[in-house]
Amino acid sequence: MSKETVQKIRETEAEAARIVAAAEAQARAMREQTEAEGRERCRSTEEAVSAELAEMLEQIRQKTEEMSEHMMEETRARAEAVAATARLNRKSAEKIVIRGLDSKCR
């Protein structure tokens, strides 16, 4: 081989090494950028999901509170009805007892 050919091969190899080094550097930079973007997307997704879950939890709390209030109102109404019935039954029972005592005393 001539000197000129050997020189051309060396230049080509050096150029290839520079191209490979540049490609590796570019690949590293792209990977770092992609990883950073991935971390950012993950963070923003976590924040969005966390906010959405917090909103859902608040809606559940409100619904639970409304249901509890409604059940308490129903329970109070039933308790009042039972108490009213008990008062009527008590008065009837008192009258029956008094009549019985009255009839025994005569």
Protein backbone atom coordinates (compact mmCIF):
# COMPACT_ATOMS: atom_id res chain seq x y z
CA MET A 1 0.00 0.00 0.00
CA SER A 2 1.12 3.44 -0.70
CA LYS A 3 1.73 6.05 1.92
CA GLU A 4 -1.16 7.99 0.57
CA THR A 5 -3.55 5.04 0.98
CA VAL A 6 -2.35 4.36 4.55
CA GLN A 7 -2.79 8.04 5.37
CA LYS A 8 -6.31 7.99 3.90
CA ILE A 9 -7.18 4.88 5.97
CA ARG A 10 -5.89 6.54 9.15
CA GLU A 11 -7.86 9.68 8.42
CA THR A 12 -10.97 7.62 7.75
CA GLU A 13 -10.49 5.66 10.99
CA ALA A 14 -9.97 8.90 12.92
CA GLU A 15 -13.10 10.39 11.34
CA ALA A 16 -15.03 7.21 12.18
CA ALA A 17 -13.82 7.41 15.79
CA ARG A 18 -14.93 11.06 15.97
CA ILE A 19 -18.34 10.13 14.50
CA VAL A 20 -18.73 7.26 16.99
CA ALA A 21 -17.70 9.51 19.90
CA ALA A 22 -20.13 12.20 18.76
CA ALA A 23 -22.92 9.62 18.35
CA GLU A 24 -22.22 8.20 21.82
CA ALA A 25 -22.24 11.68 23.33
CA GLN A 26 -25.47 12.51 21.52
CA ALA A 27 -27.01 9.19 22.67
CA ARG A 28 -25.98 9.92 26.28
CA ALA A 29 -27.47 13.40 26.07
CA MET A 30 -30.67 12.05 24.52
CA ARG A 31 -30.93 9.35 27.18
CA GLU A 32 -30.38 11.89 29.96
CA GLN A 33 -32.97 14.21 28.46
CA THR A 34 -35.45 11.35 28.01
CA GLU A 35 -34.91 10.19 31.58
CA ALA A 36 -35.38 13.74 32.86
CA GLU A 37 -38.57 14.10 30.81
CA GLY A 38 -39.76 10.73 32.10
CA ARG A 39 -39.12 11.75 35.71
CA GLU A 40 -40.97 15.03 35.12
CA ARG A 41 -43.93 13.25 33.52
CA CYS A 42 -43.99 10.77 36.39
CA ARG A 43 -43.92 13.62 38.92
CA SER A 44 -46.65 15.57 37.16
CA THR A 45 -48.77 12.44 36.77
CA GLU A 46 -48.36 11.64 40.47
CA GLU A 47 -49.38 15.19 41.34
CA ALA A 48 -52.41 15.05 39.05
CA VAL A 49 -53.49 11.67 40.39
CA SER A 50 -52.90 12.80 43.95
CA ALA A 51 -55.04 15.90 43.39
CA GLU A 52 -57.75 13.82 41.72
CA LEU A 53 -57.73 11.32 44.58
CA ALA A 54 -57.87 14.12 47.14
CA GLU A 55 -60.90 15.55 45.33
CA MET A 56 -62.55 12.12 45.21
CA LEU A 57 -61.84 11.62 48.90
CA GLU A 58 -63.40 14.99 49.70
CA GLN A 59 -66.49 14.07 47.66
CA ILE A 60 -66.72 10.77 49.54
CA ARG A 61 -66.41 12.59 52.87
CA GLN A 62 -69.15 15.02 51.89
CA LYS A 63 -71.42 12.22 50.68
CA THR A 64 -70.77 10.26 53.87
CA GLU A 65 -71.56 13.30 55.97
CA GLU A 66 -74.78 13.91 54.03
CA MET A 67 -75.78 10.27 54.41
CA SER A 68 -74.97 10.34 58.13
CA GLU A 69 -77.06 13.47 58.61
CA HIS A 70 -79.93 11.93 56.66
CA MET A 71 -79.75 8.72 58.69
CA MET A 72 -79.63 10.70 61.94
CA GLU A 73 -82.75 12.64 60.88
CA GLU A 74 -84.55 9.39 60.06
CA THR A 75 -83.42 7.86 63.34
CA ARG A 76 -84.60 10.90 65.31
CA ALA A 77 -87.96 10.79 63.53
CA ARG A 78 -88.34 7.07 64.29
CA ALA A 79 -87.27 7.63 67.89
CA GLU A 80 -89.84 10.39 68.28
CA ALA A 81 -92.53 8.14 66.80
CA VAL A 82 -91.57 5.30 69.16
CA ALA A 83 -91.52 7.70 72.12
CA ALA A 84 -94.95 9.05 71.19
CA THR A 85 -96.32 5.52 70.90
CA ALA A 86 -94.72 4.63 74.23
CA ARG A 87 -96.34 7.66 75.87
CA LEU A 88 -99.74 6.65 74.51
CA ASN A 89 -99.25 3.06 75.63
CA ARG A 90 -98.11 4.27 79.05
CA LYS A 91 -101.20 6.45 79.45
CA SER A 92 -103.39 3.54 78.37
CA ALA A 93 -101.57 1.23 80.77
CA GLU A 94 -101.95 3.76 83.60
CA LYS A 95 -105.70 4.03 82.92
CA ILE A 96 -106.04 0.24 82.90
CA VAL A 97 -104.12 -0.08 86.18
CA ILE A 98 -106.11 2.74 87.79
CA ARG A 99 -109.40 1.19 86.62
CA GLY A 100 -108.29 -2.16 87.99
CA LEU A 101 -107.34 -0.66 91.32
CA ASP A 102 -110.52 1.35 91.37
CA SER A 103 -112.64 -1.74 90.73
CA LYS A 104 -110.78 -3.67 93.45
CA CYS A 105 -111.27 -0.87 95.93
CA ARG A 106 -115.04 -0.76 95.45
